[in-house]
Amino acid sequence: MEMHFWMMGVFFEPQYSYSRKMLTQLFMIVSVLDDLYDNHCTTEEGNVFTAALQRFATLLSILIMLLIG
């Protein structure tokens, strides 16, 4: 609920309701990932998870470049 109120500060006009919902979901995912790092993983697990996220980001950027042109 707190994230939704934050997004209301960013997109407060009624026509931006879809953007508010999508941004709220994105920030909730980021919040969960942050909690995983902070509270629930050891250093080794954090390093493995970071490497996996970096591989995913690289793959995602390649996919975007292919789609754009």
C-alpha atoms as a PDB file:
ATOM      1  CA  MET A   1       0.000   0.000   0.000  1.00  0.00           C
ATOM      2  CA  GLU A   2       2.843   2.363   0.809  1.00  0.00           C
ATOM      3  CA  MET A   3       4.318   2.022  -2.687  1.00  0.00           C
ATOM      4  CA  HIS A   4       1.011   2.975  -4.269  1.00  0.00           C
ATOM      5  CA  PHE A   5       0.967   6.233  -2.306  1.00  0.00           C
ATOM      6  CA  TRP A   6       4.536   6.950  -3.421  1.00  0.00           C
ATOM      7  CA  MET A   7       3.499   6.449  -7.028  1.00  0.00           C
ATOM      8  CA  MET A   8       0.569   8.797  -6.506  1.00  0.00           C
ATOM      9  CA  GLY A   9       3.186  11.491  -5.953  1.00  0.00           C
ATOM     10  CA  VAL A  10       4.819  10.645  -9.287  1.00  0.00           C
ATOM     11  CA  PHE A  11       1.704  10.078 -11.434  1.00  0.00           C
ATOM     12  CA  PHE A  12      -1.179  11.869  -9.761  1.00  0.00           C
ATOM     13  CA  GLU A  13      -3.358  12.557 -12.814  1.00  0.00           C
ATOM     14  CA  PRO A  14      -6.239  10.076 -13.354  1.00  0.00           C
ATOM     15  CA  GLN A  15      -5.177   9.249 -16.924  1.00  0.00           C
ATOM     16  CA  TYR A  16      -1.910   7.776 -15.612  1.00  0.00           C
ATOM     17  CA  SER A  17      -3.522   5.018 -13.550  1.00  0.00           C
ATOM     18  CA  TYR A  18      -1.943   2.252 -15.661  1.00  0.00           C
ATOM     19  CA  SER A  19       1.518   3.798 -15.238  1.00  0.00           C
ATOM     20  CA  ARG A  20       0.923   4.033 -11.486  1.00  0.00           C
ATOM     21  CA  LYS A  21       0.016   0.348 -11.306  1.00  0.00           C
ATOM     22  CA  MET A  22       3.015  -0.781 -13.367  1.00  0.00           C
ATOM     23  CA  LEU A  23       5.473   1.381 -11.447  1.00  0.00           C
ATOM     24  CA  THR A  24       4.030   0.163  -8.141  1.00  0.00           C
ATOM     25  CA  GLN A  25       4.545  -3.456  -9.225  1.00  0.00           C
ATOM     26  CA  LEU A  26       8.095  -2.752 -10.353  1.00  0.00           C
ATOM     27  CA  PHE A  27       8.996  -1.100  -7.059  1.00  0.00           C
ATOM     28  CA  MET A  28       7.421  -3.972  -5.111  1.00  0.00           C
ATOM     29  CA  ILE A  29       9.640  -6.452  -6.973  1.00  0.00           C
ATOM     30  CA  VAL A  30      12.688  -4.289  -6.274  1.00  0.00           C
ATOM     31  CA  SER A  31      11.680  -4.086  -2.614  1.00  0.00           C
ATOM     32  CA  VAL A  32      11.415  -7.874  -2.344  1.00  0.00           C
ATOM     33  CA  LEU A  33      14.812  -8.333  -4.003  1.00  0.00           C
ATOM     34  CA  ASP A  34      16.329  -5.801  -1.623  1.00  0.00           C
ATOM     35  CA  ASP A  35      14.892  -7.690   1.354  1.00  0.00           C
ATOM     36  CA  LEU A  36      16.343 -10.936  -0.012  1.00  0.00           C
ATOM     37  CA  TYR A  37      19.785  -9.380  -0.161  1.00  0.00           C
ATOM     38  CA  ASP A  38      19.584  -7.681   3.207  1.00  0.00           C
ATOM     39  CA  ASN A  39      17.955 -10.310   5.377  1.00  0.00           C
ATOM     40  CA  HIS A  40      17.935 -13.760   3.874  1.00  0.00           C
ATOM     41  CA  CYS A  41      21.190 -14.557   2.106  1.00  0.00           C
ATOM     42  CA  THR A  42      24.780 -15.178   2.971  1.00  0.00           C
ATOM     43  CA  THR A  43      27.624 -13.475   1.140  1.00  0.00           C
ATOM     44  CA  GLU A  44      28.143 -16.466  -1.140  1.00  0.00           C
ATOM     45  CA  GLU A  45      24.445 -16.686  -1.982  1.00  0.00           C
ATOM     46  CA  GLY A  46      24.372 -12.960  -2.630  1.00  0.00           C
ATOM     47  CA  ASN A  47      27.289 -13.247  -5.039  1.00  0.00           C
ATOM     48  CA  VAL A  48      25.590 -16.071  -6.946  1.00  0.00           C
ATOM     49  CA  PHE A  49      22.324 -14.124  -7.083  1.00  0.00           C
ATOM     50  CA  THR A  50      24.135 -10.973  -8.263  1.00  0.00           C
ATOM     51  CA  ALA A  51      25.838 -12.926 -11.046  1.00  0.00           C
ATOM     52  CA  ALA A  52      22.471 -14.348 -12.134  1.00  0.00           C
ATOM     53  CA  LEU A  53      20.904 -10.884 -12.196  1.00  0.00           C
ATOM     54  CA  GLN A  54      23.812  -9.527 -14.235  1.00  0.00           C
ATOM     55  CA  ARG A  55      23.436 -12.349 -16.779  1.00  0.00           C
ATOM     56  CA  PHE A  56      19.715 -11.642 -16.972  1.00  0.00           C
ATOM     57  CA  ALA A  57      20.349  -7.920 -17.515  1.00  0.00           C
ATOM     58  CA  THR A  58      22.823  -8.680 -20.298  1.00  0.00           C
ATOM     59  CA  LEU A  59      20.387 -11.043 -21.980  1.00  0.00           C
ATOM     60  CA  LEU A  60      17.581  -8.525 -21.633  1.00  0.00           C
ATOM     61  CA  SER A  61      19.648  -5.721 -23.165  1.00  0.00           C
ATOM     62  CA  ILE A  62      20.547  -7.951 -26.132  1.00  0.00           C
ATOM     63  CA  LEU A  63      16.887  -8.832 -26.613  1.00  0.00           C
ATOM     64  CA  ILE A  64      15.874  -5.168 -26.531  1.00  0.00           C
ATOM     65  CA  MET A  65      18.551  -4.277 -29.087  1.00  0.00           C
ATOM     66  CA  LEU A  66      17.273  -7.024 -31.386  1.00  0.00           C
ATOM     67  CA  LEU A  67      13.700  -5.809 -31.067  1.00  0.00           C
ATOM     68  CA  ILE A  68      14.584  -2.161 -31.650  1.00  0.00           C
ATOM     69  CA  GLY A  69      16.616  -2.733 -34.688  1.00  0.00           C
END
